[in-house]
C-alpha atoms as a PDB file:
ATOM      1  CA  MET A   1     -18.045 -75.139  28.797  1.00  0.00           C
ATOM      2  CA  ALA A   2     -16.288 -74.361  25.568  1.00  0.00           C
ATOM      3  CA  ALA A   3     -16.454 -70.625  26.307  1.00  0.00           C
ATOM      4  CA  GLY A   4     -15.027 -71.158  29.793  1.00  0.00           C
ATOM      5  CA  ALA A   5     -12.168 -73.148  28.490  1.00  0.00           C
ATOM      6  CA  ILE A   6     -11.209 -70.465  25.894  1.00  0.00           C
ATOM      7  CA  ALA A   7     -11.162 -67.586  28.489  1.00  0.00           C
ATOM      8  CA  PRO A   8      -8.167 -68.969  30.475  1.00  0.00           C
ATOM      9  CA  LYS A   9      -6.182 -69.539  27.272  1.00  0.00           C
ATOM     10  CA  ARG A  10      -6.985 -66.000  25.976  1.00  0.00           C
ATOM     11  CA  GLY A  11      -5.776 -64.500  29.320  1.00  0.00           C
ATOM     12  CA  ALA A  12      -2.631 -66.526  29.293  1.00  0.00           C
ATOM     13  CA  ALA A  13      -1.901 -65.523  25.639  1.00  0.00           C
ATOM     14  CA  MET A  14      -2.457 -61.855  26.570  1.00  0.00           C
ATOM     15  CA  GLY A  15      -0.181 -62.198  29.555  1.00  0.00           C
ATOM     16  CA  PHE A  16       2.473 -63.835  27.295  1.00  0.00           C
ATOM     17  CA  VAL A  17       2.175 -60.944  24.767  1.00  0.00           C
ATOM     18  CA  PHE A  18       2.409 -58.279  27.569  1.00  0.00           C
ATOM     19  CA  CYS A  19       5.507 -59.898  29.105  1.00  0.00           C
ATOM     20  CA  SER A  20       7.056 -60.238  25.744  1.00  0.00           C
ATOM     21  CA  LEU A  21       6.557 -56.598  24.870  1.00  0.00           C
ATOM     22  CA  LEU A  22       7.757 -55.576  28.278  1.00  0.00           C
ATOM     23  CA  LEU A  23      10.985 -57.643  27.819  1.00  0.00           C
ATOM     24  CA  TYR A  24      11.339 -56.483  24.241  1.00  0.00           C
ATOM     25  CA  PHE A  25      11.221 -52.802  25.240  1.00  0.00           C
ATOM     26  CA  LEU A  26      13.223 -53.238  28.388  1.00  0.00           C
ATOM     27  CA  PRO A  27      16.129 -51.034  27.049  1.00  0.00           C
ATOM     28  CA  SER A  28      13.755 -48.238  26.299  1.00  0.00           C
ATOM     29  CA  ILE A  29      12.138 -48.499  29.724  1.00  0.00           C
ATOM     30  CA  ILE A  30      15.557 -48.363  31.386  1.00  0.00           C
ATOM     31  CA  GLY A  31      16.707 -45.459  29.122  1.00  0.00           C
ATOM     32  CA  HIS A  32      13.559 -43.337  29.454  1.00  0.00           C
ATOM     33  CA  SER A  33      15.312 -40.791  31.653  1.00  0.00           C
ATOM     34  CA  ARG A  34      18.583 -40.736  29.738  1.00  0.00           C
ATOM     35  CA  ARG A  35      19.879 -38.040  27.429  1.00  0.00           C
ATOM     36  CA  ASP A  36      20.060 -40.401  24.387  1.00  0.00           C
ATOM     37  CA  PHE A  37      16.531 -41.700  24.802  1.00  0.00           C
ATOM     38  CA  ALA A  38      15.502 -41.151  21.106  1.00  0.00           C
ATOM     39  CA  GLY A  39      18.414 -43.077  19.787  1.00  0.00           C
ATOM     40  CA  ILE A  40      17.947 -45.854  22.349  1.00  0.00           C
ATOM     41  CA  PHE A  41      14.287 -46.177  21.440  1.00  0.00           C
ATOM     42  CA  LEU A  42      14.839 -46.197  17.793  1.00  0.00           C
ATOM     43  CA  LEU A  43      17.602 -48.841  17.966  1.00  0.00           C
ATOM     44  CA  ASN A  44      15.433 -50.928  20.281  1.00  0.00           C
ATOM     45  CA  PHE A  45      12.360 -50.553  17.956  1.00  0.00           C
ATOM     46  CA  PHE A  46      14.112 -51.330  14.713  1.00  0.00           C
ATOM     47  CA  LEU A  47      16.906 -53.689  15.690  1.00  0.00           C
ATOM     48  CA  GLY A  48      15.629 -55.169  19.006  1.00  0.00           C
ATOM     49  CA  TRP A  49      14.435 -58.206  17.379  1.00  0.00           C
ATOM     50  CA  THR A  50      17.948 -59.172  16.671  1.00  0.00           C
ATOM     51  CA  VAL A  51      19.827 -60.273  19.821  1.00  0.00           C
ATOM     52  CA  ILE A  52      22.708 -58.004  19.011  1.00  0.00           C
ATOM     53  CA  GLY A  53      20.449 -55.014  18.530  1.00  0.00           C
ATOM     54  CA  TRP A  54      18.699 -55.566  21.776  1.00  0.00           C
ATOM     55  CA  ILE A  55      21.995 -56.092  23.776  1.00  0.00           C
ATOM     56  CA  CYS A  56      23.480 -52.880  22.200  1.00  0.00           C
ATOM     57  CA  ALA A  57      20.365 -50.917  23.199  1.00  0.00           C
ATOM     58  CA  LEU A  58      20.482 -52.341  26.651  1.00  0.00           C
ATOM     59  CA  VAL A  59      24.178 -51.456  27.022  1.00  0.00           C
ATOM     60  CA  TRP A  60      23.605 -48.036  25.727  1.00  0.00           C
ATOM     61  CA  ALA A  61      20.625 -47.366  27.969  1.00  0.00           C
ATOM     62  CA  CYS A  62      22.770 -48.493  31.005  1.00  0.00           C
ATOM     63  CA  ALA A  63      25.792 -46.468  30.041  1.00  0.00           C
ATOM     64  CA  SER A  64      24.166 -43.244  28.959  1.00  0.00           C
ATOM     65  CA  GLU A  65      24.172 -40.189  31.175  1.00  0.00           C
ATOM     66  CA  ARG A  66      21.054 -39.280  33.011  1.00  0.00           C
ATOM     67  CA  ARG A  67      19.026 -36.258  31.811  1.00  0.00           C
ATOM     68  CA  HIS A  68      19.109 -33.472  34.506  1.00  0.00           C
ATOM     69  CA  PRO A  69      15.907 -31.466  34.716  1.00  0.00           C
ATOM     70  CA  VAL A  70      16.359 -27.775  34.221  1.00  0.00           C
ATOM     71  CA  MET A  71      14.002 -25.378  35.949  1.00  0.00           C
ATOM     72  CA  LEU A  72      14.098 -21.692  35.111  1.00  0.00           C
ATOM     73  CA  VAL A  73      12.907 -19.392  37.829  1.00  0.00           C
ATOM     74  CA  ALA A  74      12.643 -15.707  37.648  1.00  0.00           C
ATOM     75  CA  ALA A  75      14.409 -13.779  40.252  1.00  0.00           C
ATOM     76  CA  PRO A  76      12.107 -12.201  42.888  1.00  0.00           C
ATOM     77  CA  GLY A  77      11.642  -8.513  42.282  1.00  0.00           C
ATOM     78  CA  ALA A  78      13.265  -8.651  38.874  1.00  0.00           C
ATOM     79  CA  PRO A  79      11.890  -6.007  36.489  1.00  0.00           C
ATOM     80  CA  SER A  80       9.851  -7.351  33.546  1.00  0.00           C
ATOM     81  CA  ALA A  81      11.159  -6.541  30.116  1.00  0.00           C
ATOM     82  CA  PHE A  82       9.642  -5.405  26.836  1.00  0.00           C
ATOM     83  CA  TYR A  83      11.023  -6.595  23.554  1.00  0.00           C
ATOM     84  CA  CYS A  84      11.408  -4.269  20.554  1.00  0.00           C
ATOM     85  CA  CYS A  85       9.398  -5.372  17.474  1.00  0.00           C
ATOM     86  CA  ARG A  86      12.033  -3.861  15.111  1.00  0.00           C
ATOM     87  CA  CYS A  87      15.406  -5.131  16.538  1.00  0.00           C
ATOM     88  CA  GLY A  88      14.382  -7.575  19.385  1.00  0.00           C
ATOM     89  CA  ALA A  89      16.442  -5.943  22.115  1.00  0.00           C
ATOM     90  CA  ALA A  90      15.081  -6.030  25.637  1.00  0.00           C
ATOM     91  CA  SER A  91      14.250  -2.827  27.294  1.00  0.00           C
ATOM     92  CA  HIS A  92      13.106  -2.202  30.909  1.00  0.00           C
ATOM     93  CA  ALA A  93       9.352  -2.067  31.776  1.00  0.00           C
ATOM     94  CA  GLY A  94       9.329   1.732  32.427  1.00  0.00           C
ATOM     95  CA  SER A  95      11.078   2.749  29.227  1.00  0.00           C
ATOM     96  CA  ASN A  96       9.219   4.434  26.421  1.00  0.00           C
ATOM     97  CA  PHE A  97      11.805   3.898  23.654  1.00  0.00           C
ATOM     98  CA  CYS A  98      14.022   1.032  22.627  1.00  0.00           C
ATOM     99  CA  TRP A  99      17.635   1.651  23.763  1.00  0.00           C
ATOM    100  CA  ALA A 100      19.112  -0.039  20.646  1.00  0.00           C
ATOM    101  CA  CYS A 101      17.148   1.452  17.697  1.00  0.00           C
ATOM    102  CA  GLY A 102      15.171   4.285  19.288  1.00  0.00           C
ATOM    103  CA  ARG A 103      11.670   2.978  18.169  1.00  0.00           C
ATOM    104  CA  ALA A 104       8.783   3.790  20.454  1.00  0.00           C
ATOM    105  CA  LEU A 105       7.543   0.860  22.552  1.00  0.00           C
END
């Protein structure tokens, strides 16, 4: 019976630790898709144990701008390019020489 009595206490303790960590990192969770996520996380991690640091991280996470995803798509039918080893200029796929320095591609 002693092992059965310990198991609920252990589960309650683990639940308390999980909820405490979730509450502690709430500003980082809110700010995960923000532009200033690294700063929010570092402030929350190092100064979140102080009430002022936690509140500052929470306000920063709520006020920061969202990070917009950028997707680069090649235009259909666009010719591929070769880059010169000497000067780095882009040349068309069908060219034999670099237009900038004249080196053979």
